[in-house]
PDB file of N, CA and C in Angstrom:
ATOM      1  N   UNK A   1     -63.975  94.929  81.357  1.00  0.00           N
ATOM      2  CA  UNK A   1     -64.299  94.314  82.640  1.00  0.00           C
ATOM      3  C   UNK A   1     -62.952  94.278  83.374  1.00  0.00           C
ATOM      4  N   UNK A   2     -62.930  94.516  84.584  1.00  0.00           N
ATOM      5  CA  UNK A   2     -61.759  94.617  85.422  1.00  0.00           C
ATOM      6  C   UNK A   2     -61.406  93.068  86.039  1.00  0.00           C
ATOM      7  N   UNK A   3     -60.139  92.792  86.024  1.00  0.00           N
ATOM      8  CA  UNK A   3     -59.729  91.484  86.337  1.00  0.00           C
ATOM      9  C   UNK A   3     -60.431  91.156  87.865  1.00  0.00           C
ATOM     10  N   UNK A   4     -60.465  92.388  88.612  1.00  0.00           N
ATOM     11  CA  UNK A   4     -60.919  91.956  89.821  1.00  0.00           C
ATOM     12  C   UNK A   4     -62.269  91.427  89.908  1.00  0.00           C
ATOM     13  N   UNK A   5     -63.187  91.867  88.966  1.00  0.00           N
ATOM     14  CA  UNK A   5     -64.362  91.441  88.772  1.00  0.00           C
ATOM     15  C   UNK A   5     -64.572  90.141  88.442  1.00  0.00           C
ATOM     16  N   UNK A   6     -63.654  89.588  87.581  1.00  0.00           N
ATOM     17  CA  UNK A   6     -63.597  88.180  87.153  1.00  0.00           C
ATOM     18  C   UNK A   6     -63.225  87.230  88.355  1.00  0.00           C
ATOM     19  N   UNK A   7     -62.013  87.674  88.877  1.00  0.00           N
ATOM     20  CA  UNK A   7     -61.518  86.810  90.070  1.00  0.00           C
ATOM     21  C   UNK A   7     -62.608  86.785  91.209  1.00  0.00           C
ATOM     22  N   UNK A   8     -63.197  88.023  91.345  1.00  0.00           N
ATOM     23  CA  UNK A   8     -64.326  87.915  92.636  1.00  0.00           C
ATOM     24  C   UNK A   8     -65.566  87.223  92.335  1.00  0.00           C
ATOM     25  N   UNK A   9     -65.848  86.859  90.982  1.00  0.00           N
ATOM     26  CA  UNK A   9     -66.872  85.909  90.586  1.00  0.00           C
ATOM     27  C   UNK A   9     -66.300  84.594  90.908  1.00  0.00           C
ATOM     28  N   UNK A  10     -65.235  84.306  90.400  1.00  0.00           N
ATOM     29  CA  UNK A  10     -64.799  82.966  90.602  1.00  0.00           C
ATOM     30  C   UNK A  10     -64.565  82.514  91.998  1.00  0.00           C
ATOM     31  N   UNK A  11     -64.299  83.524  92.794  1.00  0.00           N
ATOM     32  CA  UNK A  11     -64.312  83.323  94.321  1.00  0.00           C
ATOM     33  C   UNK A  11     -65.656  83.088  95.074  1.00  0.00           C
ATOM     34  N   UNK A  12     -66.628  83.957  94.461  1.00  0.00           N
ATOM     35  CA  UNK A  12     -67.982  83.555  94.669  1.00  0.00           C
ATOM     36  C   UNK A  12     -68.659  82.191  94.305  1.00  0.00           C
ATOM     37  N   UNK A  13     -68.317  81.662  93.354  1.00  0.00           N
ATOM     38  CA  UNK A  13     -68.553  80.409  92.543  1.00  0.00           C
ATOM     39  C   UNK A  13     -67.976  79.366  93.627  1.00  0.00           C
ATOM     40  N   UNK A  14     -66.904  79.495  93.785  1.00  0.00           N
ATOM     41  CA  UNK A  14     -66.137  78.449  94.592  1.00  0.00           C
ATOM     42  C   UNK A  14     -66.508  78.398  95.864  1.00  0.00           C
ATOM     43  N   UNK A  15     -67.027  79.661  96.387  1.00  0.00           N
ATOM     44  CA  UNK A  15     -67.531  79.529  97.948  1.00  0.00           C
ATOM     45  C   UNK A  15     -68.985  78.940  97.923  1.00  0.00           C
ATOM     46  N   UNK A  16     -69.565  79.267  96.727  1.00  0.00           N
ATOM     47  CA  UNK A  16     -70.985  78.369  96.829  1.00  0.00           C
ATOM     48  C   UNK A  16     -70.873  76.945  96.689  1.00  0.00           C
ATOM     49  N   UNK A  17     -69.902  76.524  96.029  1.00  0.00           N
ATOM     50  CA  UNK A  17     -69.675  74.938  95.949  1.00  0.00           C
ATOM     51  C   UNK A  17     -69.113  74.771  97.308  1.00  0.00           C
ATOM     52  N   UNK A  18     -68.172  75.069  97.812  1.00  0.00           N
ATOM     53  CA  UNK A  18     -67.695  74.704  99.107  1.00  0.00           C
ATOM     54  C   UNK A  18     -68.932  74.749 100.312  1.00  0.00           C
ATOM     55  N   UNK A  19     -69.727  75.722 100.016  1.00  0.00           N
ATOM     56  CA  UNK A  19     -70.899  75.870 100.969  1.00  0.00           C
ATOM     57  C   UNK A  19     -71.815  74.719 100.801  1.00  0.00           C
ATOM     58  N   UNK A  20     -72.111  74.559  99.679  1.00  0.00           N
ATOM     59  CA  UNK A  20     -73.129  73.199  99.475  1.00  0.00           C
ATOM     60  C   UNK A  20     -72.500  71.844  99.683  1.00  0.00           C
ATOM     61  N   UNK A  21     -71.406  71.638  99.433  1.00  0.00           N
ATOM     62  CA  UNK A  21     -70.540  70.548  99.777  1.00  0.00           C
ATOM     63  C   UNK A  21     -70.656  70.345 101.332  1.00  0.00           C
ATOM     64  N   UNK A  22     -70.362  71.530 102.078  1.00  0.00           N
ATOM     65  CA  UNK A  22     -70.460  71.322 103.438  1.00  0.00           C
ATOM     66  C   UNK A  22     -71.784  70.908 103.931  1.00  0.00           C
ATOM     67  N   UNK A  23     -72.689  71.597 103.440  1.00  0.00           N
ATOM     68  CA  UNK A  23     -74.220  71.432 103.961  1.00  0.00           C
ATOM     69  C   UNK A  23     -74.390  69.879 103.547  1.00  0.00           C
ATOM     70  N   UNK A  24     -73.908  69.414 102.393  1.00  0.00           N
ATOM     71  CA  UNK A  24     -74.370  67.961 102.209  1.00  0.00           C
ATOM     72  C   UNK A  24     -73.741  67.107 103.112  1.00  0.00           C
ATOM     73  N   UNK A  25     -72.505  67.034 103.378  1.00  0.00           N
ATOM     74  CA  UNK A  25     -71.774  66.577 104.134  1.00  0.00           C
ATOM     75  C   UNK A  25     -71.544  66.656 105.585  1.00  0.00           C
ATOM     76  N   UNK A  26     -72.365  67.760 106.115  1.00  0.00           N
ATOM     77  CA  UNK A  26     -72.589  68.141 107.454  1.00  0.00           C
ATOM     78  C   UNK A  26     -71.274  68.561 107.837  1.00  0.00           C
ATOM     79  N   UNK A  27     -70.286  69.274 107.180  1.00  0.00           N
ATOM     80  CA  UNK A  27     -69.193  69.923 107.528  1.00  0.00           C
ATOM     81  C   UNK A  27     -69.191  71.193 107.704  1.00  0.00           C
ATOM     82  N   UNK A  28     -69.428  71.810 109.116  1.00  0.00           N
ATOM     83  CA  UNK A  28     -69.815  73.136 109.299  1.00  0.00           C
ATOM     84  C   UNK A  28     -68.451  74.036 108.842  1.00  0.00           C
ATOM     85  N   UNK A  29     -67.179  73.662 108.919  1.00  0.00           N
ATOM     86  CA  UNK A  29     -66.145  74.267 108.680  1.00  0.00           C
ATOM     87  C   UNK A  29     -66.092  74.495 107.380  1.00  0.00           C
ATOM     88  N   UNK A  30     -66.392  73.620 106.567  1.00  0.00           N
ATOM     89  CA  UNK A  30     -66.365  73.688 105.174  1.00  0.00           C
ATOM     90  C   UNK A  30     -67.475  74.739 104.709  1.00  0.00           C
ATOM     91  N   UNK A  31     -68.597  74.774 105.310  1.00  0.00           N
ATOM     92  CA  UNK A  31     -69.684  75.742 105.116  1.00  0.00           C
ATOM     93  C   UNK A  31     -69.202  77.418 105.461  1.00  0.00           C
ATOM     94  N   UNK A  32     -68.515  77.277 106.754  1.00  0.00           N
ATOM     95  CA  UNK A  32     -67.788  78.735 107.033  1.00  0.00           C
ATOM     96  C   UNK A  32     -67.147  78.991 105.898  1.00  0.00           C
ATOM     97  N   UNK A  33     -66.086  78.253 105.462  1.00  0.00           N
ATOM     98  CA  UNK A  33     -65.153  78.616 104.439  1.00  0.00           C
ATOM     99  C   UNK A  33     -65.793  79.260 103.173  1.00  0.00           C
ATOM    100  N   UNK A  34     -66.824  78.371 102.914  1.00  0.00           N
ATOM    101  CA  UNK A  34     -67.646  78.630 101.692  1.00  0.00           C
ATOM    102  C   UNK A  34     -68.234  80.109 101.912  1.00  0.00           C
ATOM    103  N   UNK A  35     -68.947  80.412 102.971  1.00  0.00           N
ATOM    104  CA  UNK A  35     -69.520  81.803 103.145  1.00  0.00           C
ATOM    105  C   UNK A  35     -68.419  82.810 103.057  1.00  0.00           C
ATOM    106  N   UNK A  36     -67.230  82.648 103.760  1.00  0.00           N
ATOM    107  CA  UNK A  36     -66.064  83.548 103.758  1.00  0.00           C
ATOM    108  C   UNK A  36     -65.897  83.749 102.373  1.00  0.00           C
ATOM    109  N   UNK A  37     -65.361  82.767 101.424  1.00  0.00           N
ATOM    110  CA  UNK A  37     -65.032  82.768 100.128  1.00  0.00           C
ATOM    111  C   UNK A  37     -65.967  83.570  99.342  1.00  0.00           C
ATOM    112  N   UNK A  38     -67.288  83.427  99.492  1.00  0.00           N
ATOM    113  CA  UNK A  38     -68.257  84.301  98.887  1.00  0.00           C
ATOM    114  C   UNK A  38     -68.129  85.645  99.141  1.00  0.00           C
ATOM    115  N   UNK A  39     -68.142  85.969 100.410  1.00  0.00           N
ATOM    116  CA  UNK A  39     -68.098  87.379 100.862  1.00  0.00           C
ATOM    117  C   UNK A  39     -66.944  88.059 100.352  1.00  0.00           C
ATOM    118  N   UNK A  40     -65.817  87.354 100.410  1.00  0.00           N
ATOM    119  CA  UNK A  40     -64.460  87.817  99.711  1.00  0.00           C
ATOM    120  C   UNK A  40     -64.679  88.310  98.240  1.00  0.00           C
ATOM    121  N   UNK A  41     -65.249  87.167  97.588  1.00  0.00           N
ATOM    122  CA  UNK A  41     -65.825  87.407  96.234  1.00  0.00           C
ATOM    123  C   UNK A  41     -66.553  88.564  95.855  1.00  0.00           C
ATOM    124  N   UNK A  42     -67.433  89.056  96.656  1.00  0.00           N
ATOM    125  CA  UNK A  42     -68.517  89.922  96.581  1.00  0.00           C
ATOM    126  C   UNK A  42     -67.678  91.293  96.684  1.00  0.00           C
ATOM    127  N   UNK A  43     -66.809  91.364  97.531  1.00  0.00           N
ATOM    128  CA  UNK A  43     -65.941  92.544  97.987  1.00  0.00           C
ATOM    129  C   UNK A  43     -64.996  92.680  96.703  1.00  0.00           C
ATOM    130  N   UNK A  44     -64.479  91.785  96.238  1.00  0.00           N
ATOM    131  CA  UNK A  44     -63.405  91.901  95.150  1.00  0.00           C
ATOM    132  C   UNK A  44     -64.288  92.331  93.990  1.00  0.00           C
ATOM    133  N   UNK A  45     -65.671  91.732  93.703  1.00  0.00           N
ATOM    134  CA  UNK A  45     -66.256  92.150  92.558  1.00  0.00           C
ATOM    135  C   UNK A  45     -66.544  93.528  92.596  1.00  0.00           C
ATOM    136  N   UNK A  46     -66.858  93.867  93.856  1.00  0.00           N
ATOM    137  CA  UNK A  46     -67.332  95.368  94.047  1.00  0.00           C
ATOM    138  C   UNK A  46     -66.241  96.410  93.755  1.00  0.00           C
ATOM    139  N   UNK A  47     -65.058  95.891  94.238  1.00  0.00           N
ATOM    140  CA  UNK A  47     -63.748  96.777  93.899  1.00  0.00           C
ATOM    141  C   UNK A  47     -63.358  96.871  92.352  1.00  0.00           C
ATOM    142  N   UNK A  48     -63.774  95.835  91.712  1.00  0.00           N
ATOM    143  CA  UNK A  48     -63.522  95.714  90.156  1.00  0.00           C
ATOM    144  C   UNK A  48     -64.740  96.576  89.509  1.00  0.00           C
ATOM    145  N   UNK A  49     -65.847  96.701  90.045  1.00  0.00           N
ATOM    146  CA  UNK A  49     -66.801  97.443  89.381  1.00  0.00           C
ATOM    147  C   UNK A  49     -66.519  98.839  89.622  1.00  0.00           C
ATOM    148  N   UNK A  50     -66.120  99.209  90.827  1.00  0.00           N
ATOM    149  CA  UNK A  50     -65.538 100.595  90.868  1.00  0.00           C
ATOM    150  C   UNK A  50     -64.562 101.091  89.983  1.00  0.00           C
ATOM    151  N   UNK A  51     -63.579 100.135  89.748  1.00  0.00           N
ATOM    152  CA  UNK A  51     -62.350 100.475  88.895  1.00  0.00           C
ATOM    153  C   UNK A  51     -63.101 100.752  87.430  1.00  0.00           C
ATOM    154  N   UNK A  52     -64.031  99.825  87.260  1.00  0.00           N
ATOM    155  CA  UNK A  52     -64.577  99.949  85.784  1.00  0.00           C
ATOM    156  C   UNK A  52     -65.238 101.201  85.758  1.00  0.00           C
ATOM    157  N   UNK A  53     -66.198 101.638  86.715  1.00  0.00           N
ATOM    158  CA  UNK A  53     -66.781 103.011  86.646  1.00  0.00           C
ATOM    159  C   UNK A  53     -65.727 104.209  86.368  1.00  0.00           C
ATOM    160  N   UNK A  54     -64.780 103.997  87.197  1.00  0.00           N
ATOM    161  CA  UNK A  54     -63.882 105.089  87.212  1.00  0.00           C
ATOM    162  C   UNK A  54     -63.353 105.232  85.792  1.00  0.00           C
ATOM    163  N   UNK A  55     -62.808 104.288  85.391  1.00  0.00           N
ATOM    164  CA  UNK A  55     -62.143 104.124  84.070  1.00  0.00           C
ATOM    165  C   UNK A  55     -63.297 104.756  82.845  1.00  0.00           C
ATOM    166  N   UNK A  56     -64.518 104.261  82.986  1.00  0.00           N
ATOM    167  CA  UNK A  56     -65.564 104.833  82.131  1.00  0.00           C
ATOM    168  C   UNK A  56     -65.693 106.402  82.368  1.00  0.00           C
ATOM    169  N   UNK A  57     -65.766 106.862  83.697  1.00  0.00           N
ATOM    170  CA  UNK A  57     -65.884 108.152  83.703  1.00  0.00           C
ATOM    171  C   UNK A  57     -64.626 109.105  83.285  1.00  0.00           C
ATOM    172  N   UNK A  58     -63.441 108.457  83.121  1.00  0.00           N
ATOM    173  CA  UNK A  58     -62.357 109.195  82.758  1.00  0.00           C
ATOM    174  C   UNK A  58     -62.296 109.158  81.157  1.00  0.00           C
ATOM    175  N   UNK A  59     -63.101 108.388  80.493  1.00  0.00           N
ATOM    176  CA  UNK A  59     -63.062 108.259  79.004  1.00  0.00           C
ATOM    177  C   UNK A  59     -63.812 109.539  78.489  1.00  0.00           C
TER     178      UNK A  59
END
């Protein structure tokens, strides 16, 4: 598993927590930050997945 996949999953989790806390407290800026973190994590996870597939194809 590529390190980007692990880091991406972590960012997605962090974003979900931020978004949830923002919703509970009514802090829209925290909600937006959480959504941005989740999106960034999804992209990073996808990059890691592509790297994994490239490695598997070369084996």
